[in-house]
Amino acid sequence: MSDDVDPDEVVIPALLRAARNAYALAVRRALAAADIHDMPRNGPYVLGGLANHGATLATLINDLQVTKQAASQLIDTLVLRGYLDRHVDAEDRRRLAVTLTERGLAAAEEVQRAVRSVDSELAAMITTEKLAVMREGLFALAGIGFRLRGE
């Protein structure tokens, strides 16, 4: 957004989209710099969540709010491109388990590095107090979304 735009005149959904795009662009650039050019859409979210936050695959897929078919295609693509490994669950042989490969871990590290870079740049632009208020507001907004989804 240009400097001549009044932030109070821009609706929150547009601000959220533009803010999310800052992270998406940083992640895509970091992956490209690491010679990772075949990452599917939503792949960074899944890999980053698995490696950097210990999230379960089911939780990450649920958070994406995509169809089961789209989720399955995403996982299949990540497996075929060598980011994830699919194998029989050792505890329940009726289930398949998914783990990060070495390539998936490397990609997740790039995702984390890019996110931290944007976080650092943001922290340098606004005060600690404003950053805390922004996080609090985003957390509340996410809570509204979870409530609307019935979670």
N, C-alpha and C. Protein backbone atom coordinates (compact mmCIF):
# COMPACT_ATOMS: atom_id res chain seq x y z
N MET A 1 0.84 -1.18 0.00
CA MET A 1 0.00 0.00 0.00
C MET A 1 0.89 1.24 0.00
N SER A 2 0.43 2.25 -0.67
CA SER A 2 1.23 3.46 -0.76
C SER A 2 1.07 4.30 0.51
N ASP A 3 2.03 5.19 0.70
CA ASP A 3 2.04 6.03 1.91
C ASP A 3 0.91 7.05 1.91
N ASP A 4 0.32 7.34 0.74
CA ASP A 4 -0.74 8.35 0.70
C ASP A 4 -2.13 7.77 1.00
N VAL A 5 -2.20 6.50 1.34
CA VAL A 5 -3.47 5.87 1.69
C VAL A 5 -3.68 6.00 3.20
N ASP A 6 -4.86 6.43 3.59
CA ASP A 6 -5.21 6.55 5.00
C ASP A 6 -5.61 5.16 5.51
N PRO A 7 -4.86 4.60 6.48
CA PRO A 7 -5.17 3.25 6.97
C PRO A 7 -6.60 3.13 7.52
N ASP A 8 -7.15 4.22 8.01
CA ASP A 8 -8.51 4.17 8.54
C ASP A 8 -9.56 4.05 7.44
N GLU A 9 -9.16 4.30 6.19
CA GLU A 9 -10.09 4.22 5.07
C GLU A 9 -10.08 2.84 4.40
N VAL A 10 -9.16 1.99 4.81
CA VAL A 10 -9.05 0.66 4.20
C VAL A 10 -9.75 -0.35 5.12
N VAL A 11 -10.64 -1.15 4.55
CA VAL A 11 -11.37 -2.13 5.36
C VAL A 11 -10.41 -3.20 5.87
N ILE A 12 -10.71 -3.74 7.04
CA ILE A 12 -9.84 -4.71 7.69
C ILE A 12 -9.56 -5.94 6.80
N PRO A 13 -10.56 -6.51 6.12
CA PRO A 13 -10.23 -7.66 5.26
C PRO A 13 -9.17 -7.35 4.21
N ALA A 14 -9.18 -6.14 3.65
CA ALA A 14 -8.16 -5.77 2.66
C ALA A 14 -6.80 -5.64 3.34
N LEU A 15 -6.76 -5.09 4.54
CA LEU A 15 -5.51 -4.98 5.28
C LEU A 15 -4.96 -6.37 5.62
N LEU A 16 -5.84 -7.27 6.03
CA LEU A 16 -5.41 -8.63 6.36
C LEU A 16 -4.83 -9.34 5.14
N ARG A 17 -5.47 -9.17 3.99
CA ARG A 17 -4.98 -9.81 2.77
C ARG A 17 -3.61 -9.25 2.40
N ALA A 18 -3.45 -7.94 2.46
CA ALA A 18 -2.17 -7.33 2.12
C ALA A 18 -1.08 -7.75 3.11
N ALA A 19 -1.44 -7.83 4.38
CA ALA A 19 -0.48 -8.25 5.41
C ALA A 19 -0.06 -9.70 5.19
N ARG A 20 -1.02 -10.56 4.90
CA ARG A 20 -0.72 -11.97 4.65
C ARG A 20 0.19 -12.10 3.43
N ASN A 21 -0.03 -11.25 2.44
CA ASN A 21 0.78 -11.30 1.24
C ASN A 21 2.24 -10.96 1.52
N ALA A 22 2.50 -10.12 2.53
CA ALA A 22 3.89 -9.81 2.90
C ALA A 22 4.61 -11.09 3.30
N TYR A 23 3.94 -11.91 4.11
CA TYR A 23 4.54 -13.18 4.53
C TYR A 23 4.65 -14.14 3.35
N ALA A 24 3.61 -14.24 2.54
CA ALA A 24 3.63 -15.17 1.41
C ALA A 24 4.75 -14.83 0.44
N LEU A 25 4.92 -13.56 0.15
CA LEU A 25 5.98 -13.14 -0.77
C LEU A 25 7.36 -13.43 -0.18
N ALA A 26 7.54 -13.14 1.10
CA ALA A 26 8.82 -13.42 1.75
C ALA A 26 9.13 -14.91 1.73
N VAL A 27 8.13 -15.73 1.98
CA VAL A 27 8.32 -17.18 1.97
C VAL A 27 8.67 -17.66 0.57
N ARG A 28 7.94 -17.21 -0.43
CA ARG A 28 8.21 -17.63 -1.81
C ARG A 28 9.61 -17.23 -2.24
N ARG A 29 10.03 -16.02 -1.87
CA ARG A 29 11.38 -15.56 -2.23
C ARG A 29 12.44 -16.39 -1.53
N ALA A 30 12.22 -16.69 -0.25
CA ALA A 30 13.19 -17.50 0.49
C ALA A 30 13.30 -18.90 -0.11
N LEU A 31 12.17 -19.48 -0.46
CA LEU A 31 12.20 -20.81 -1.07
C LEU A 31 12.92 -20.77 -2.42
N ALA A 32 12.65 -19.75 -3.21
CA ALA A 32 13.31 -19.62 -4.51
C ALA A 32 14.82 -19.45 -4.33
N ALA A 33 15.22 -18.65 -3.35
CA ALA A 33 16.65 -18.44 -3.10
C ALA A 33 17.33 -19.74 -2.66
N ALA A 34 16.56 -20.63 -2.04
CA ALA A 34 17.08 -21.94 -1.62
C ALA A 34 16.92 -22.99 -2.71
N ASP A 35 16.57 -22.53 -3.92
CA ASP A 35 16.39 -23.40 -5.08
C ASP A 35 15.24 -24.39 -4.90
N ILE A 36 14.21 -23.93 -4.21
CA ILE A 36 12.98 -24.72 -4.04
C ILE A 36 11.91 -24.04 -4.88
N HIS A 37 11.64 -24.63 -6.04
CA HIS A 37 10.74 -23.99 -7.01
C HIS A 37 9.47 -24.78 -7.25
N ASP A 38 9.29 -25.88 -6.55
CA ASP A 38 8.13 -26.74 -6.83
C ASP A 38 7.18 -26.86 -5.64
N MET A 39 7.20 -25.88 -4.77
CA MET A 39 6.34 -25.93 -3.58
C MET A 39 4.90 -25.59 -3.98
N PRO A 40 3.96 -26.48 -3.67
CA PRO A 40 2.56 -26.19 -4.00
C PRO A 40 1.97 -25.12 -3.07
N ARG A 41 0.93 -24.52 -3.53
CA ARG A 41 0.21 -23.54 -2.71
C ARG A 41 -0.20 -24.23 -1.41
N ASN A 42 -0.10 -23.56 -0.31
CA ASN A 42 -0.39 -24.06 1.04
C ASN A 42 0.67 -25.03 1.56
N GLY A 43 1.61 -25.42 0.71
CA GLY A 43 2.68 -26.30 1.16
C GLY A 43 3.52 -25.69 2.27
N PRO A 44 3.91 -24.40 2.16
CA PRO A 44 4.70 -23.81 3.23
C PRO A 44 3.98 -23.82 4.58
N TYR A 45 2.67 -23.62 4.55
CA TYR A 45 1.90 -23.63 5.80
C TYR A 45 1.95 -25.02 6.45
N VAL A 46 1.79 -26.05 5.65
CA VAL A 46 1.80 -27.42 6.18
C VAL A 46 3.19 -27.78 6.69
N LEU A 47 4.21 -27.55 5.88
CA LEU A 47 5.57 -27.91 6.29
C LEU A 47 6.01 -27.11 7.50
N GLY A 48 5.74 -25.81 7.48
CA GLY A 48 6.12 -24.95 8.61
C GLY A 48 5.40 -25.34 9.88
N GLY A 49 4.13 -25.66 9.76
CA GLY A 49 3.36 -26.06 10.93
C GLY A 49 3.83 -27.37 11.53
N LEU A 50 4.16 -28.33 10.65
CA LEU A 50 4.65 -29.63 11.13
C LEU A 50 6.02 -29.50 11.80
N ALA A 51 6.93 -28.78 11.15
CA ALA A 51 8.31 -28.73 11.62
C ALA A 51 8.53 -27.72 12.74
N ASN A 52 7.91 -26.57 12.62
CA ASN A 52 8.25 -25.47 13.51
C ASN A 52 7.29 -25.29 14.68
N HIS A 53 6.12 -25.90 14.60
CA HIS A 53 5.13 -25.69 15.66
C HIS A 53 4.56 -26.98 16.22
N GLY A 54 5.01 -28.10 15.71
CA GLY A 54 4.57 -29.39 16.22
C GLY A 54 3.09 -29.66 16.01
N ALA A 55 2.49 -28.98 15.05
CA ALA A 55 1.07 -29.18 14.78
C ALA A 55 0.85 -30.53 14.11
N THR A 56 -0.34 -31.04 14.26
CA THR A 56 -0.69 -32.29 13.58
C THR A 56 -1.14 -31.97 12.16
N LEU A 57 -1.00 -32.94 11.29
CA LEU A 57 -1.44 -32.76 9.92
C LEU A 57 -2.94 -32.48 9.88
N ALA A 58 -3.71 -33.19 10.70
CA ALA A 58 -5.17 -32.99 10.73
C ALA A 58 -5.52 -31.55 11.11
N THR A 59 -4.82 -31.00 12.09
CA THR A 59 -5.09 -29.63 12.52
C THR A 59 -4.75 -28.64 11.41
N LEU A 60 -3.61 -28.84 10.77
CA LEU A 60 -3.20 -27.94 9.71
C LEU A 60 -4.18 -27.97 8.54
N ILE A 61 -4.60 -29.15 8.16
CA ILE A 61 -5.56 -29.29 7.06
C ILE A 61 -6.88 -28.62 7.43
N ASN A 62 -7.32 -28.83 8.66
CA ASN A 62 -8.55 -28.19 9.13
C ASN A 62 -8.42 -26.68 9.08
N ASP A 63 -7.27 -26.15 9.49
CA ASP A 63 -7.05 -24.71 9.47
C ASP A 63 -7.09 -24.13 8.06
N LEU A 64 -6.69 -24.93 7.07
CA LEU A 64 -6.70 -24.45 5.69
C LEU A 64 -8.11 -24.27 5.15
N GLN A 65 -9.07 -24.98 5.75
CA GLN A 65 -10.47 -24.89 5.30
C GLN A 65 -10.60 -25.22 3.81
N VAL A 66 -10.02 -26.35 3.43
CA VAL A 66 -10.14 -26.84 2.05
C VAL A 66 -10.91 -28.15 2.08
N THR A 67 -11.36 -28.57 0.92
CA THR A 67 -12.09 -29.83 0.83
C THR A 67 -11.15 -30.99 1.12
N LYS A 68 -11.73 -32.14 1.44
CA LYS A 68 -10.91 -33.34 1.67
C LYS A 68 -10.13 -33.69 0.42
N GLN A 69 -10.73 -33.50 -0.74
CA GLN A 69 -10.05 -33.79 -2.00
C GLN A 69 -8.85 -32.87 -2.19
N ALA A 70 -9.03 -31.57 -1.93
CA ALA A 70 -7.91 -30.62 -2.06
C ALA A 70 -6.81 -30.93 -1.06
N ALA A 71 -7.18 -31.29 0.16
CA ALA A 71 -6.20 -31.65 1.18
C ALA A 71 -5.42 -32.88 0.76
N SER A 72 -6.12 -33.87 0.26
CA SER A 72 -5.47 -35.10 -0.19
C SER A 72 -4.51 -34.82 -1.34
N GLN A 73 -4.92 -33.98 -2.28
CA GLN A 73 -4.06 -33.62 -3.41
C GLN A 73 -2.80 -32.90 -2.92
N LEU A 74 -2.97 -32.00 -1.94
CA LEU A 74 -1.83 -31.27 -1.40
C LEU A 74 -0.83 -32.23 -0.77
N ILE A 75 -1.32 -33.14 0.06
CA ILE A 75 -0.43 -34.10 0.72
C ILE A 75 0.23 -35.00 -0.32
N ASP A 76 -0.54 -35.48 -1.30
CA ASP A 76 0.03 -36.31 -2.37
C ASP A 76 1.15 -35.57 -3.10
N THR A 77 0.93 -34.30 -3.39
CA THR A 77 1.93 -33.50 -4.10
C THR A 77 3.19 -33.34 -3.24
N LEU A 78 3.00 -33.07 -1.94
CA LEU A 78 4.15 -32.91 -1.05
C LEU A 78 4.93 -34.22 -0.92
N VAL A 79 4.24 -35.34 -0.97
CA VAL A 79 4.90 -36.65 -0.92
C VAL A 79 5.65 -36.89 -2.25
N LEU A 80 4.97 -36.68 -3.36
CA LEU A 80 5.59 -36.92 -4.67
C LEU A 80 6.81 -36.04 -4.92
N ARG A 81 6.80 -34.83 -4.36
CA ARG A 81 7.91 -33.91 -4.58
C ARG A 81 9.00 -34.04 -3.51
N GLY A 82 8.82 -35.01 -2.62
CA GLY A 82 9.87 -35.32 -1.67
C GLY A 82 9.92 -34.51 -0.40
N TYR A 83 8.85 -33.80 -0.08
CA TYR A 83 8.81 -33.01 1.15
C TYR A 83 8.27 -33.81 2.34
N LEU A 84 7.41 -34.75 2.06
CA LEU A 84 6.81 -35.61 3.09
C LEU A 84 7.02 -37.07 2.72
N ASP A 85 7.03 -37.90 3.74
CA ASP A 85 7.09 -39.35 3.56
C ASP A 85 5.83 -39.94 4.17
N ARG A 86 5.19 -40.82 3.44
CA ARG A 86 3.97 -41.48 3.93
C ARG A 86 4.29 -42.94 4.18
N HIS A 87 3.93 -43.42 5.38
CA HIS A 87 4.21 -44.80 5.75
C HIS A 87 3.15 -45.31 6.72
N VAL A 88 3.12 -46.61 6.92
CA VAL A 88 2.16 -47.21 7.84
C VAL A 88 2.49 -46.78 9.26
N ASP A 89 1.48 -46.35 10.00
CA ASP A 89 1.65 -45.91 11.39
C ASP A 89 2.08 -47.11 12.23
N ALA A 90 3.16 -46.95 12.96
CA ALA A 90 3.70 -48.04 13.77
C ALA A 90 2.75 -48.44 14.90
N GLU A 91 1.96 -47.50 15.41
CA GLU A 91 1.05 -47.78 16.52
C GLU A 91 -0.30 -48.31 16.06
N ASP A 92 -0.71 -47.92 14.86
CA ASP A 92 -2.00 -48.38 14.33
C ASP A 92 -1.80 -48.67 12.85
N ARG A 93 -1.58 -49.93 12.53
CA ARG A 93 -1.24 -50.32 11.16
C ARG A 93 -2.36 -50.07 10.15
N ARG A 94 -3.54 -49.72 10.63
CA ARG A 94 -4.63 -49.39 9.70
C ARG A 94 -4.51 -47.96 9.18
N ARG A 95 -3.65 -47.17 9.81
CA ARG A 95 -3.51 -45.76 9.46
C ARG A 95 -2.18 -45.50 8.77
N LEU A 96 -2.17 -44.44 7.99
CA LEU A 96 -0.94 -43.97 7.36
C LEU A 96 -0.42 -42.78 8.16
N ALA A 97 0.88 -42.72 8.34
CA ALA A 97 1.51 -41.59 9.02
C ALA A 97 2.29 -40.79 7.98
N VAL A 98 2.42 -39.51 8.24
CA VAL A 98 3.15 -38.62 7.35
C VAL A 98 4.23 -37.92 8.17
N THR A 99 5.46 -37.96 7.67
CA THR A 99 6.56 -37.28 8.35
C THR A 99 7.33 -36.44 7.34
N LEU A 100 8.04 -35.46 7.86
CA LEU A 100 8.86 -34.61 7.01
C LEU A 100 10.12 -35.35 6.58
N THR A 101 10.48 -35.17 5.32
CA THR A 101 11.74 -35.70 4.82
C THR A 101 12.83 -34.66 5.11
N GLU A 102 14.05 -35.00 4.77
CA GLU A 102 15.14 -34.04 4.92
C GLU A 102 14.86 -32.79 4.07
N ARG A 103 14.34 -33.01 2.88
CA ARG A 103 14.00 -31.88 2.00
C ARG A 103 12.87 -31.04 2.60
N GLY A 104 11.90 -31.72 3.21
CA GLY A 104 10.80 -31.02 3.86
C GLY A 104 11.27 -30.19 5.04
N LEU A 105 12.20 -30.73 5.82
CA LEU A 105 12.76 -29.99 6.95
C LEU A 105 13.53 -28.76 6.48
N ALA A 106 14.29 -28.91 5.40
CA ALA A 106 15.04 -27.77 4.86
C ALA A 106 14.08 -26.68 4.37
N ALA A 107 13.01 -27.08 3.71
CA ALA A 107 12.02 -26.11 3.24
C ALA A 107 11.34 -25.43 4.42
N ALA A 108 11.02 -26.19 5.46
CA ALA A 108 10.39 -25.62 6.65
C ALA A 108 11.30 -24.62 7.33
N GLU A 109 12.61 -24.87 7.31
CA GLU A 109 13.55 -23.91 7.88
C GLU A 109 13.54 -22.61 7.10
N GLU A 110 13.44 -22.70 5.79
CA GLU A 110 13.36 -21.50 4.96
C GLU A 110 12.08 -20.73 5.24
N VAL A 111 10.98 -21.46 5.41
CA VAL A 111 9.70 -20.82 5.75
C VAL A 111 9.84 -20.07 7.06
N GLN A 112 10.39 -20.73 8.06
CA GLN A 112 10.55 -20.11 9.38
C GLN A 112 11.45 -18.88 9.30
N ARG A 113 12.53 -18.97 8.56
CA ARG A 113 13.46 -17.85 8.41
C ARG A 113 12.74 -16.65 7.76
N ALA A 114 11.95 -16.91 6.75
CA ALA A 114 11.23 -15.83 6.06
C ALA A 114 10.21 -15.17 6.98
N VAL A 115 9.48 -15.98 7.73
CA VAL A 115 8.48 -15.43 8.65
C VAL A 115 9.16 -14.57 9.71
N ARG A 116 10.25 -15.07 10.25
CA ARG A 116 10.98 -14.29 11.26
C ARG A 116 11.52 -12.99 10.69
N SER A 117 11.91 -13.00 9.43
CA SER A 117 12.42 -11.80 8.78
C SER A 117 11.33 -10.73 8.71
N VAL A 118 10.13 -11.13 8.29
CA VAL A 118 9.02 -10.18 8.22
C VAL A 118 8.66 -9.71 9.63
N ASP A 119 8.63 -10.65 10.58
CA ASP A 119 8.34 -10.27 11.97
C ASP A 119 9.33 -9.23 12.48
N SER A 120 10.60 -9.42 12.18
CA SER A 120 11.64 -8.49 12.63
C SER A 120 11.48 -7.12 11.99
N GLU A 121 11.17 -7.12 10.70
CA GLU A 121 10.97 -5.85 10.01
C GLU A 121 9.77 -5.10 10.59
N LEU A 122 8.71 -5.83 10.86
CA LEU A 122 7.53 -5.22 11.46
C LEU A 122 7.85 -4.66 12.85
N ALA A 123 8.58 -5.43 13.65
CA ALA A 123 8.93 -5.00 15.00
C ALA A 123 9.78 -3.73 14.98
N ALA A 124 10.55 -3.53 13.92
CA ALA A 124 11.36 -2.33 13.79
C ALA A 124 10.53 -1.12 13.35
N MET A 125 9.35 -1.37 12.80
CA MET A 125 8.52 -0.29 12.26
C MET A 125 7.52 0.26 13.27
N ILE A 126 7.10 -0.57 14.24
CA ILE A 126 6.11 -0.11 15.21
C ILE A 126 6.60 -0.42 16.62
N THR A 127 5.99 0.20 17.59
CA THR A 127 6.42 -0.01 18.98
C THR A 127 6.02 -1.39 19.46
N THR A 128 6.68 -1.82 20.51
CA THR A 128 6.36 -3.11 21.13
C THR A 128 4.91 -3.14 21.58
N GLU A 129 4.44 -2.01 22.11
CA GLU A 129 3.06 -1.92 22.58
C GLU A 129 2.07 -2.08 21.43
N LYS A 130 2.35 -1.41 20.31
CA LYS A 130 1.46 -1.52 19.15
C LYS A 130 1.47 -2.94 18.60
N LEU A 131 2.63 -3.56 18.60
CA LEU A 131 2.73 -4.94 18.12
C LEU A 131 1.90 -5.87 19.02
N ALA A 132 1.97 -5.65 20.32
CA ALA A 132 1.19 -6.47 21.26
C ALA A 132 -0.31 -6.25 21.05
N VAL A 133 -0.73 -5.02 20.81
CA VAL A 133 -2.14 -4.73 20.57
C VAL A 133 -2.59 -5.35 19.25
N MET A 134 -1.75 -5.29 18.24
CA MET A 134 -2.08 -5.90 16.96
C MET A 134 -2.27 -7.40 17.12
N ARG A 135 -1.34 -8.05 17.83
CA ARG A 135 -1.45 -9.49 18.06
C ARG A 135 -2.73 -9.82 18.84
N GLU A 136 -3.04 -9.01 19.82
CA GLU A 136 -4.26 -9.23 20.61
C GLU A 136 -5.50 -9.11 19.73
N GLY A 137 -5.53 -8.12 18.86
CA GLY A 137 -6.66 -7.95 17.96
C GLY A 137 -6.78 -9.08 16.96
N LEU A 138 -5.66 -9.51 16.41
CA LEU A 138 -5.69 -10.63 15.47
C LEU A 138 -6.12 -11.92 16.16
N PHE A 139 -5.66 -12.10 17.39
CA PHE A 139 -6.06 -13.29 18.16
C PHE A 139 -7.57 -13.28 18.40
N ALA A 140 -8.12 -12.12 18.75
CA ALA A 140 -9.57 -12.01 18.95
C ALA A 140 -10.32 -12.27 17.65
N LEU A 141 -9.81 -11.73 16.55
CA LEU A 141 -10.45 -11.95 15.24
C LEU A 141 -10.42 -13.42 14.86
N ALA A 142 -9.29 -14.09 15.13
CA ALA A 142 -9.20 -15.53 14.87
C ALA A 142 -10.23 -16.28 15.72
N GLY A 143 -10.42 -15.85 16.96
CA GLY A 143 -11.42 -16.47 17.83
C GLY A 143 -12.82 -16.35 17.25
N ILE A 144 -13.12 -15.21 16.65
CA ILE A 144 -14.43 -15.05 16.00
C ILE A 144 -14.56 -16.06 14.87
N GLY A 145 -13.50 -16.22 14.10
CA GLY A 145 -13.52 -17.19 13.00
C GLY A 145 -13.75 -18.61 13.50
N PHE A 146 -13.05 -18.99 14.58
CA PHE A 146 -13.24 -20.33 15.15
C PHE A 146 -14.67 -20.52 15.65
N ARG A 147 -15.22 -19.48 16.26
CA ARG A 147 -16.59 -19.55 16.75
C ARG A 147 -17.57 -19.71 15.59
N LEU A 148 -17.37 -18.95 14.54
CA LEU A 148 -18.25 -19.04 13.37
C LEU A 148 -18.15 -20.41 12.69
N ARG A 149 -16.96 -21.04 12.77
CA ARG A 149 -16.80 -22.39 12.20
C ARG A 149 -17.32 -23.47 13.12
N GLY A 150 -17.70 -23.09 14.33
CA GLY A 150 -18.24 -24.07 15.27
C GLY A 150 -17.17 -24.82 16.04
N GLU A 151 -16.00 -24.24 16.18
CA GLU A 151 -14.90 -24.90 16.89
C GLU A 151 -14.82 -24.43 18.32
